[in-house]
Amino acid sequence: MADAQNPRRPVIGSWMMFPGASLARMVAQMGYDFVLIDCEHGNIDDAAMHASVGAVAAEGVSPVVRIPAPDNVYVKRALDTGAHGILCPSMSTADEARALVSFAKFPATTKAVLGRDASSGTRAQMLSSSTLSGIRGVGSPFAPAVFRQTMPEYIRTANQNTFVAVQIETLEGLENCEEIAKVDGIGSPNDLASSMGYPPLEHESIPEVQDAVKRVLAAAKNAGKYAGMFCTAAEQVRSRFEQGFDLMNLGGDAVALMEWNAVQLGKLEDLRTGA
């Protein structure tokens, strides 16, 4: 995900809604920069989330978990798997965003253990590498293993090495998107269209929805943050990158399964119907 800093290329990921480490591994090997593991709408429980995150990370690809809601338990469980980041749906206010960041960050370590020799450098190694501070609890041995770190190393660097992304999907979120984007620590159009009273799957053709998307993009850029967009075709990825988005999703397992079968079965329609 560090490649998001490269203005010459987009960061492209895939979306997983089905469980399974084998599937996660196969998707990660396709060349994506990240794989999003959907625990909001996907058929992925806690155990499958752990398995998928580990499989994706082992391939050198960033595992990202979409949590069901901005709840401390969901945030903790997702990051404890070793996920590189989380995506939270339906963010509506800056206060909600600040609370979400606090759930995702360890309390900053600002004091060395008594008796440590500062001149040896040991003291500096024990201090947090990020100025962000939150209320995330310490305890999971799984996240350090995924990052190939010791527990102390992970605790010291996780606030800097994990990211928090949010989705603007409601009218309230749209009205507050500029303030949400400014929240320190914050790194889908279907629902946004629906909340505006339009058919959710028609957002690409609705000018008012696209104007809202432009507003969210501008809010992110003005705050010095990255902006992402869900896409289902290569042409959409190219268009959104040219528009200024940094991270794009390209379809996913459920989309690929449904589209491939629909196309191939369609070619056999005459045989299937006896026409």
C-alpha atoms as a PDB file:
ATOM      1  CA  MET A   1       0.000   0.000   0.000  1.00  0.00           C
ATOM      2  CA  ALA A   2       3.018   2.289   0.263  1.00  0.00           C
ATOM      3  CA  ASP A   3       2.812   2.552  -3.528  1.00  0.00           C
ATOM      4  CA  ALA A   4      -0.143   4.906  -3.053  1.00  0.00           C
ATOM      5  CA  GLN A   5       2.539   7.582  -2.702  1.00  0.00           C
ATOM      6  CA  ASN A   6       3.570   7.052  -6.342  1.00  0.00           C
ATOM      7  CA  PRO A   7       1.680   9.586  -8.508  1.00  0.00           C
ATOM      8  CA  ARG A   8       2.524   7.674 -11.695  1.00  0.00           C
ATOM      9  CA  ARG A   9       0.469   4.575 -10.966  1.00  0.00           C
ATOM     10  CA  PRO A  10      -2.731   3.671  -9.119  1.00  0.00           C
ATOM     11  CA  VAL A  11      -2.946   1.167  -6.307  1.00  0.00           C
ATOM     12  CA  ILE A  12      -5.270  -1.596  -7.487  1.00  0.00           C
ATOM     13  CA  GLY A  13      -6.931  -4.208  -5.329  1.00  0.00           C
ATOM     14  CA  SER A  14      -9.482  -6.986  -5.413  1.00  0.00           C
ATOM     15  CA  TRP A  15     -12.521  -7.655  -3.233  1.00  0.00           C
ATOM     16  CA  MET A  16     -13.115 -10.935  -1.390  1.00  0.00           C
ATOM     17  CA  MET A  17     -16.611 -11.900  -0.245  1.00  0.00           C
ATOM     18  CA  PHE A  18     -16.072 -15.665  -0.043  1.00  0.00           C
ATOM     19  CA  PRO A  19     -14.071 -17.327   2.756  1.00  0.00           C
ATOM     20  CA  GLY A  20     -10.961 -19.432   2.318  1.00  0.00           C
ATOM     21  CA  ALA A  21      -7.204 -19.116   2.641  1.00  0.00           C
ATOM     22  CA  SER A  22      -6.695 -20.905  -0.681  1.00  0.00           C
ATOM     23  CA  LEU A  23      -8.887 -18.393  -2.500  1.00  0.00           C
ATOM     24  CA  ALA A  24      -7.177 -15.485  -0.757  1.00  0.00           C
ATOM     25  CA  ARG A  25      -3.783 -16.842  -1.752  1.00  0.00           C
ATOM     26  CA  MET A  26      -4.818 -17.255  -5.393  1.00  0.00           C
ATOM     27  CA  VAL A  27      -6.206 -13.723  -5.591  1.00  0.00           C
ATOM     28  CA  ALA A  28      -3.087 -12.267  -3.962  1.00  0.00           C
ATOM     29  CA  GLN A  29      -0.868 -14.026  -6.503  1.00  0.00           C
ATOM     30  CA  MET A  30      -2.626 -12.314  -9.427  1.00  0.00           C
ATOM     31  CA  GLY A  31      -0.631  -9.107  -9.049  1.00  0.00           C
ATOM     32  CA  TYR A  32      -2.930  -6.907  -6.988  1.00  0.00           C
ATOM     33  CA  ASP A  33      -1.508  -4.395  -4.518  1.00  0.00           C
ATOM     34  CA  PHE A  34      -4.122  -5.187  -1.881  1.00  0.00           C
ATOM     35  CA  VAL A  35      -6.956  -7.602  -1.244  1.00  0.00           C
ATOM     36  CA  LEU A  36      -9.961  -6.348   0.669  1.00  0.00           C
ATOM     37  CA  ILE A  37     -11.590  -8.961   2.892  1.00  0.00           C
ATOM     38  CA  ASP A  38     -15.227  -7.962   3.210  1.00  0.00           C
ATOM     39  CA  CYS A  39     -16.590  -8.696   6.671  1.00  0.00           C
ATOM     40  CA  GLU A  40     -19.516  -6.314   6.240  1.00  0.00           C
ATOM     41  CA  HIS A  41     -21.433  -7.863   3.334  1.00  0.00           C
ATOM     42  CA  GLY A  42     -19.204 -10.883   2.647  1.00  0.00           C
ATOM     43  CA  ASN A  43     -19.623 -14.476   3.837  1.00  0.00           C
ATOM     44  CA  ILE A  44     -16.544 -14.221   6.039  1.00  0.00           C
ATOM     45  CA  ASP A  45     -16.591 -14.966   9.750  1.00  0.00           C
ATOM     46  CA  ASP A  46     -13.903 -14.342  12.349  1.00  0.00           C
ATOM     47  CA  ALA A  47     -11.897 -17.506  11.693  1.00  0.00           C
ATOM     48  CA  ALA A  48     -12.035 -17.035   7.918  1.00  0.00           C
ATOM     49  CA  MET A  49     -10.901 -13.428   8.351  1.00  0.00           C
ATOM     50  CA  HIS A  50      -7.793 -14.604  10.222  1.00  0.00           C
ATOM     51  CA  ALA A  51      -7.010 -17.222   7.575  1.00  0.00           C
ATOM     52  CA  SER A  52      -7.494 -14.844   4.642  1.00  0.00           C
ATOM     53  CA  VAL A  53      -5.403 -12.032   6.124  1.00  0.00           C
ATOM     54  CA  GLY A  54      -2.473 -14.356   6.775  1.00  0.00           C
ATOM     55  CA  ALA A  55      -2.673 -15.897   3.299  1.00  0.00           C
ATOM     56  CA  VAL A  56      -2.721 -12.507   1.551  1.00  0.00           C
ATOM     57  CA  ALA A  57       0.118 -11.049   3.617  1.00  0.00           C
ATOM     58  CA  ALA A  58       2.276 -14.129   2.993  1.00  0.00           C
ATOM     59  CA  GLU A  59       2.196 -13.283  -0.737  1.00  0.00           C
ATOM     60  CA  GLY A  60       3.591  -9.802  -0.132  1.00  0.00           C
ATOM     61  CA  VAL A  61       0.209  -8.152  -0.722  1.00  0.00           C
ATOM     62  CA  SER A  62      -1.608  -5.865   1.717  1.00  0.00           C
ATOM     63  CA  PRO A  63      -4.661  -7.415   3.415  1.00  0.00           C
ATOM     64  CA  VAL A  64      -7.368  -4.861   4.214  1.00  0.00           C
ATOM     65  CA  VAL A  65     -10.482  -5.755   6.241  1.00  0.00           C
ATOM     66  CA  ARG A  66     -13.813  -4.013   5.770  1.00  0.00           C
ATOM     67  CA  ILE A  67     -15.455  -4.093   9.169  1.00  0.00           C
ATOM     68  CA  PRO A  68     -19.259  -4.099   9.600  1.00  0.00           C
ATOM     69  CA  ALA A  69     -19.433  -0.879  11.634  1.00  0.00           C
ATOM     70  CA  PRO A  70     -17.253   1.623  13.556  1.00  0.00           C
ATOM     71  CA  ASP A  71     -17.253  -0.512  16.677  1.00  0.00           C
ATOM     72  CA  ASN A  72     -14.208  -1.016  18.897  1.00  0.00           C
ATOM     73  CA  VAL A  73     -14.629  -4.805  18.906  1.00  0.00           C
ATOM     74  CA  TYR A  74     -14.708  -5.019  15.097  1.00  0.00           C
ATOM     75  CA  VAL A  75     -11.655  -2.764  14.787  1.00  0.00           C
ATOM     76  CA  LYS A  76      -9.676  -4.708  17.350  1.00  0.00           C
ATOM     77  CA  ARG A  77     -10.555  -8.113  15.886  1.00  0.00           C
ATOM     78  CA  ALA A  78      -9.627  -7.008  12.367  1.00  0.00           C
ATOM     79  CA  LEU A  79      -6.280  -5.462  13.258  1.00  0.00           C
ATOM     80  CA  ASP A  80      -5.399  -8.340  15.581  1.00  0.00           C
ATOM     81  CA  THR A  81      -5.372 -10.632  12.528  1.00  0.00           C
ATOM     82  CA  GLY A  82      -2.424  -8.649  11.156  1.00  0.00           C
ATOM     83  CA  ALA A  83      -4.428  -6.658   8.627  1.00  0.00           C
ATOM     84  CA  HIS A  84      -2.491  -3.748   7.157  1.00  0.00           C
ATOM     85  CA  GLY A  85      -5.570  -1.576   7.402  1.00  0.00           C
ATOM     86  CA  ILE A  86      -9.299  -1.373   7.886  1.00  0.00           C
ATOM     87  CA  LEU A  87     -12.122   0.112   5.828  1.00  0.00           C
ATOM     88  CA  CYS A  88     -15.141   1.350   7.766  1.00  0.00           C
ATOM     89  CA  PRO A  89     -18.499   1.895   6.042  1.00  0.00           C
ATOM     90  CA  SER A  90     -21.000   4.730   6.457  1.00  0.00           C
ATOM     91  CA  MET A  91     -18.809   7.310   8.177  1.00  0.00           C
ATOM     92  CA  SER A  92     -21.017  10.335   8.828  1.00  0.00           C
ATOM     93  CA  THR A  93     -19.265  12.739  11.225  1.00  0.00           C
ATOM     94  CA  ALA A  94     -15.784  13.835  12.210  1.00  0.00           C
ATOM     95  CA  ASP A  95     -16.451  12.708  15.790  1.00  0.00           C
ATOM     96  CA  GLU A  96     -17.204   9.197  14.525  1.00  0.00           C
ATOM     97  CA  ALA A  97     -13.970   9.284  12.526  1.00  0.00           C
ATOM     98  CA  ARG A  98     -11.925  10.385  15.532  1.00  0.00           C
ATOM     99  CA  ALA A  99     -13.418   7.599  17.632  1.00  0.00           C
ATOM    100  CA  LEU A 100     -12.618   5.071  14.894  1.00  0.00           C
ATOM    101  CA  VAL A 101      -8.971   6.183  14.772  1.00  0.00           C
ATOM    102  CA  SER A 102      -8.703   5.899  18.561  1.00  0.00           C
ATOM    103  CA  PHE A 103      -9.975   2.298  18.375  1.00  0.00           C
ATOM    104  CA  ALA A 104      -7.295   1.480  15.783  1.00  0.00           C
ATOM    105  CA  LYS A 105      -4.247   2.986  17.518  1.00  0.00           C
ATOM    106  CA  PHE A 106      -2.294   1.823  20.530  1.00  0.00           C
ATOM    107  CA  PRO A 107      -1.675   4.326  23.337  1.00  0.00           C
ATOM    108  CA  ALA A 108       1.509   6.152  22.375  1.00  0.00           C
ATOM    109  CA  THR A 109       4.512   5.054  24.461  1.00  0.00           C
ATOM    110  CA  THR A 110       6.254   8.194  25.671  1.00  0.00           C
ATOM    111  CA  LYS A 111       8.203   6.880  28.659  1.00  0.00           C
ATOM    112  CA  ALA A 112      11.100   4.439  28.764  1.00  0.00           C
ATOM    113  CA  VAL A 113      11.344   1.685  31.348  1.00  0.00           C
ATOM    114  CA  LEU A 114      13.361   2.796  34.369  1.00  0.00           C
ATOM    115  CA  GLY A 115      16.931   1.632  34.242  1.00  0.00           C
ATOM    116  CA  ARG A 116      17.264   1.717  30.454  1.00  0.00           C
ATOM    117  CA  ASP A 117      20.373   3.452  29.160  1.00  0.00           C
ATOM    118  CA  ALA A 118      19.325   6.266  26.826  1.00  0.00           C
ATOM    119  CA  SER A 119      22.831   6.533  25.345  1.00  0.00           C
ATOM    120  CA  SER A 120      22.642   2.955  24.056  1.00  0.00           C
ATOM    121  CA  GLY A 121      19.638   3.684  21.887  1.00  0.00           C
ATOM    122  CA  THR A 122      17.497   1.141  23.719  1.00  0.00           C
ATOM    123  CA  ARG A 123      15.248   3.835  25.117  1.00  0.00           C
ATOM    124  CA  ALA A 124      14.462   5.228  21.661  1.00  0.00           C
ATOM    125  CA  GLN A 125      13.571   1.772  20.417  1.00  0.00           C
ATOM    126  CA  MET A 126      10.895   1.484  23.071  1.00  0.00           C
ATOM    127  CA  LEU A 127       9.097   4.722  22.177  1.00  0.00           C
ATOM    128  CA  SER A 128       6.239   4.858  19.686  1.00  0.00           C
ATOM    129  CA  SER A 129       7.192   5.696  16.098  1.00  0.00           C
ATOM    130  CA  SER A 130       3.957   7.671  15.575  1.00  0.00           C
ATOM    131  CA  THR A 131       2.429  10.677  17.288  1.00  0.00           C
ATOM    132  CA  LEU A 132      -1.045   9.120  17.024  1.00  0.00           C
ATOM    133  CA  SER A 133      -2.437   7.658  20.213  1.00  0.00           C
ATOM    134  CA  GLY A 134      -5.579   5.650  20.912  1.00  0.00           C
ATOM    135  CA  ILE A 135      -7.120   2.981  23.095  1.00  0.00           C
ATOM    136  CA  ARG A 136      -6.384  -0.216  21.151  1.00  0.00           C
ATOM    137  CA  GLY A 137      -5.640  -3.076  23.511  1.00  0.00           C
ATOM    138  CA  VAL A 138      -2.414  -5.071  23.443  1.00  0.00           C
ATOM    139  CA  GLY A 139      -2.535  -8.860  23.394  1.00  0.00           C
ATOM    140  CA  SER A 140      -2.779 -10.504  19.981  1.00  0.00           C
ATOM    141  CA  PRO A 141       0.270 -12.610  19.006  1.00  0.00           C
ATOM    142  CA  PHE A 142      -1.062 -13.031  15.468  1.00  0.00           C
ATOM    143  CA  ALA A 143      -0.556  -9.502  14.133  1.00  0.00           C
ATOM    144  CA  PRO A 144       3.191  -9.393  14.959  1.00  0.00           C
ATOM    145  CA  ALA A 145       3.622 -12.767  13.247  1.00  0.00           C
ATOM    146  CA  VAL A 146       1.968 -11.506  10.049  1.00  0.00           C
ATOM    147  CA  PHE A 147       4.237  -8.442  10.067  1.00  0.00           C
ATOM    148  CA  ARG A 148       7.236 -10.683  10.897  1.00  0.00           C
ATOM    149  CA  GLN A 149       7.964  -8.640  13.997  1.00  0.00           C
ATOM    150  CA  THR A 150       8.345  -9.275  17.685  1.00  0.00           C
ATOM    151  CA  MET A 151       5.500  -8.129  19.911  1.00  0.00           C
ATOM    152  CA  PRO A 152       7.421  -5.038  21.137  1.00  0.00           C
ATOM    153  CA  GLU A 153       8.338  -4.116  17.551  1.00  0.00           C
ATOM    154  CA  TYR A 154       4.752  -4.415  16.395  1.00  0.00           C
ATOM    155  CA  ILE A 155       3.371  -2.370  19.276  1.00  0.00           C
ATOM    156  CA  ARG A 156       5.946   0.360  18.625  1.00  0.00           C
ATOM    157  CA  THR A 157       5.322   0.595  14.866  1.00  0.00           C
ATOM    158  CA  ALA A 158       1.693  -0.447  14.316  1.00  0.00           C
ATOM    159  CA  ASN A 159       0.250   3.038  14.689  1.00  0.00           C
ATOM    160  CA  GLN A 160       2.396   4.111  11.759  1.00  0.00           C
ATOM    161  CA  ASN A 161       2.229   0.907   9.701  1.00  0.00           C
ATOM    162  CA  THR A 162      -1.535   0.331   9.730  1.00  0.00           C
ATOM    163  CA  PHE A 163      -4.084   2.634   8.144  1.00  0.00           C
ATOM    164  CA  VAL A 164      -7.716   3.581   8.590  1.00  0.00           C
ATOM    165  CA  ALA A 165      -9.969   4.266   5.602  1.00  0.00           C
ATOM    166  CA  VAL A 166     -13.623   5.279   5.654  1.00  0.00           C
ATOM    167  CA  GLN A 167     -16.501   5.227   3.200  1.00  0.00           C
ATOM    168  CA  ILE A 168     -18.751   8.237   2.637  1.00  0.00           C
ATOM    169  CA  GLU A 169     -22.109   6.626   1.970  1.00  0.00           C
ATOM    170  CA  THR A 170     -24.743   8.862   3.544  1.00  0.00           C
ATOM    171  CA  LEU A 171     -26.037  12.391   2.991  1.00  0.00           C
ATOM    172  CA  GLU A 172     -24.788  13.326   6.448  1.00  0.00           C
ATOM    173  CA  GLY A 173     -21.354  11.969   5.583  1.00  0.00           C
ATOM    174  CA  LEU A 174     -21.341  13.938   2.336  1.00  0.00           C
ATOM    175  CA  GLU A 175     -22.166  17.157   4.163  1.00  0.00           C
ATOM    176  CA  ASN A 176     -19.362  16.475   6.652  1.00  0.00           C
ATOM    177  CA  CYS A 177     -16.807  14.985   4.255  1.00  0.00           C
ATOM    178  CA  GLU A 178     -14.421  17.947   4.455  1.00  0.00           C
ATOM    179  CA  GLU A 179     -14.216  17.706   8.255  1.00  0.00           C
ATOM    180  CA  ILE A 180     -13.963  13.914   8.170  1.00  0.00           C
ATOM    181  CA  ALA A 181     -11.048  14.111   5.736  1.00  0.00           C
ATOM    182  CA  LYS A 182      -9.173  16.427   8.106  1.00  0.00           C
ATOM    183  CA  VAL A 183      -9.244  13.937  10.990  1.00  0.00           C
ATOM    184  CA  ASP A 184      -5.708  12.853  11.855  1.00  0.00           C
ATOM    185  CA  GLY A 185      -5.317   9.141  11.173  1.00  0.00           C
ATOM    186  CA  ILE A 186      -7.927   8.828   8.441  1.00  0.00           C
ATOM    187  CA  GLY A 187      -6.056   7.711   5.318  1.00  0.00           C
ATOM    188  CA  SER A 188     -19.151   3.320  -1.619  1.00  0.00           C
ATOM    189  CA  PRO A 189     -20.987   5.239  -4.199  1.00  0.00           C
ATOM    190  CA  ASN A 190     -23.772   2.643  -4.379  1.00  0.00           C
ATOM    191  CA  ASP A 191     -24.972   3.466  -0.886  1.00  0.00           C
ATOM    192  CA  LEU A 192     -24.441   7.169  -1.456  1.00  0.00           C
ATOM    193  CA  ALA A 193     -26.731   7.040  -4.494  1.00  0.00           C
ATOM    194  CA  SER A 194     -29.330   5.141  -2.495  1.00  0.00           C
ATOM    195  CA  SER A 195     -29.265   7.650   0.357  1.00  0.00           C
ATOM    196  CA  MET A 196     -29.833  10.406  -2.222  1.00  0.00           C
ATOM    197  CA  GLY A 197     -32.983   8.653  -3.412  1.00  0.00           C
ATOM    198  CA  TYR A 198     -31.583   7.114  -6.609  1.00  0.00           C
ATOM    199  CA  PRO A 199     -31.341   3.458  -7.707  1.00  0.00           C
ATOM    200  CA  PRO A 200     -28.101   2.300  -6.024  1.00  0.00           C
ATOM    201  CA  LEU A 201     -26.632   0.469  -9.014  1.00  0.00           C
ATOM    202  CA  GLU A 202     -27.118   3.430 -11.387  1.00  0.00           C
ATOM    203  CA  HIS A 203     -24.718   5.836  -9.672  1.00  0.00           C
ATOM    204  CA  GLU A 204     -22.347   6.074 -12.662  1.00  0.00           C
ATOM    205  CA  SER A 205     -25.053   7.712 -14.799  1.00  0.00           C
ATOM    206  CA  ILE A 206     -26.471  10.119 -12.207  1.00  0.00           C
ATOM    207  CA  PRO A 207     -24.907  13.613 -12.363  1.00  0.00           C
ATOM    208  CA  GLU A 208     -25.877  14.533  -8.805  1.00  0.00           C
ATOM    209  CA  VAL A 209     -24.180  11.430  -7.435  1.00  0.00           C
ATOM    210  CA  GLN A 210     -21.065  12.042  -9.510  1.00  0.00           C
ATOM    211  CA  ASP A 211     -20.944  15.632  -8.255  1.00  0.00           C
ATOM    212  CA  ALA A 212     -21.010  14.218  -4.732  1.00  0.00           C
ATOM    213  CA  VAL A 213     -18.139  11.869  -5.618  1.00  0.00           C
ATOM    214  CA  LYS A 214     -16.141  14.870  -6.895  1.00  0.00           C
ATOM    215  CA  ARG A 215     -16.792  16.687  -3.635  1.00  0.00           C
ATOM    216  CA  VAL A 216     -15.498  13.760  -1.578  1.00  0.00           C
ATOM    217  CA  LEU A 217     -12.423  13.479  -3.834  1.00  0.00           C
ATOM    218  CA  ALA A 218     -11.685  17.194  -3.420  1.00  0.00           C
ATOM    219  CA  ALA A 219     -12.111  16.931   0.359  1.00  0.00           C
ATOM    220  CA  ALA A 220      -9.566  14.122   0.512  1.00  0.00           C
ATOM    221  CA  LYS A 221      -7.047  15.903  -1.697  1.00  0.00           C
ATOM    222  CA  ASN A 222      -7.391  19.210   0.143  1.00  0.00           C
ATOM    223  CA  ALA A 223      -6.693  17.411   3.409  1.00  0.00           C
ATOM    224  CA  GLY A 224      -3.622  15.663   1.963  1.00  0.00           C
ATOM    225  CA  LYS A 225      -5.281  12.236   2.137  1.00  0.00           C
ATOM    226  CA  TYR A 226      -5.642   9.391  -0.345  1.00  0.00           C
ATOM    227  CA  ALA A 227      -8.935   8.762  -2.100  1.00  0.00           C
ATOM    228  CA  GLY A 228     -10.277   5.391  -3.220  1.00  0.00           C
ATOM    229  CA  MET A 229     -13.101   4.190  -5.445  1.00  0.00           C
ATOM    230  CA  PHE A 230     -14.867   0.881  -6.039  1.00  0.00           C
ATOM    231  CA  CYS A 231     -14.659  -0.141  -9.701  1.00  0.00           C
ATOM    232  CA  THR A 232     -15.886  -3.203 -11.559  1.00  0.00           C
ATOM    233  CA  ALA A 233     -14.027  -2.811 -14.872  1.00  0.00           C
ATOM    234  CA  ALA A 234     -10.578  -1.815 -16.091  1.00  0.00           C
ATOM    235  CA  GLU A 235     -12.023   1.177 -17.937  1.00  0.00           C
ATOM    236  CA  GLN A 236     -13.451   2.505 -14.675  1.00  0.00           C
ATOM    237  CA  VAL A 237     -10.087   2.145 -12.932  1.00  0.00           C
ATOM    238  CA  ARG A 238      -8.368   4.097 -15.693  1.00  0.00           C
ATOM    239  CA  SER A 239     -11.031   6.821 -15.633  1.00  0.00           C
ATOM    240  CA  ARG A 240     -10.988   7.218 -11.855  1.00  0.00           C
ATOM    241  CA  PHE A 241      -7.181   7.351 -11.783  1.00  0.00           C
ATOM    242  CA  GLU A 242      -7.223  10.100 -14.393  1.00  0.00           C
ATOM    243  CA  GLN A 243      -9.847  11.871 -12.276  1.00  0.00           C
ATOM    244  CA  GLY A 244      -7.432  11.875  -9.339  1.00  0.00           C
ATOM    245  CA  PHE A 245      -8.248   8.817  -7.262  1.00  0.00           C
ATOM    246  CA  ASP A 246      -5.282   6.943  -5.766  1.00  0.00           C
ATOM    247  CA  LEU A 247      -6.683   3.519  -4.842  1.00  0.00           C
ATOM    248  CA  MET A 248      -9.132   1.536  -6.910  1.00  0.00           C
ATOM    249  CA  ASN A 249     -10.774  -1.798  -6.404  1.00  0.00           C
ATOM    250  CA  LEU A 250     -11.205  -3.921  -9.545  1.00  0.00           C
ATOM    251  CA  GLY A 251     -14.198  -6.197  -9.127  1.00  0.00           C
ATOM    252  CA  GLY A 252     -13.857  -9.213  -6.869  1.00  0.00           C
ATOM    253  CA  ASP A 253     -14.499 -12.897  -6.413  1.00  0.00           C
ATOM    254  CA  ALA A 254     -18.307 -12.730  -6.431  1.00  0.00           C
ATOM    255  CA  VAL A 255     -18.357 -10.318  -9.395  1.00  0.00           C
ATOM    256  CA  ALA A 256     -15.963 -12.498 -11.397  1.00  0.00           C
ATOM    257  CA  LEU A 257     -17.908 -15.668 -10.656  1.00  0.00           C
ATOM    258  CA  MET A 258     -21.243 -14.177 -11.650  1.00  0.00           C
ATOM    259  CA  GLU A 259     -20.004 -12.364 -14.758  1.00  0.00           C
ATOM    260  CA  TRP A 260     -17.988 -15.284 -16.149  1.00  0.00           C
ATOM    261  CA  ASN A 261     -20.830 -17.739 -15.696  1.00  0.00           C
ATOM    262  CA  ALA A 262     -23.381 -15.342 -17.175  1.00  0.00           C
ATOM    263  CA  VAL A 263     -21.260 -14.754 -20.283  1.00  0.00           C
ATOM    264  CA  GLN A 264     -20.388 -18.400 -20.878  1.00  0.00           C
ATOM    265  CA  LEU A 265     -23.908 -19.675 -20.219  1.00  0.00           C
ATOM    266  CA  GLY A 266     -25.231 -17.005 -22.548  1.00  0.00           C
ATOM    267  CA  LYS A 267     -23.142 -18.463 -25.352  1.00  0.00           C
ATOM    268  CA  LEU A 268     -24.927 -21.777 -24.824  1.00  0.00           C
ATOM    269  CA  GLU A 269     -28.426 -20.355 -24.661  1.00  0.00           C
ATOM    270  CA  ASP A 270     -29.473 -22.124 -27.884  1.00  0.00           C
ATOM    271  CA  LEU A 271     -28.315 -25.503 -26.571  1.00  0.00           C
ATOM    272  CA  ARG A 272     -29.833 -24.983 -23.110  1.00  0.00           C
ATOM    273  CA  THR A 273     -33.246 -24.003 -24.476  1.00  0.00           C
ATOM    274  CA  GLY A 274     -33.248 -26.373 -27.439  1.00  0.00           C
ATOM    275  CA  ALA A 275     -33.745 -23.489 -29.857  1.00  0.00           C
END
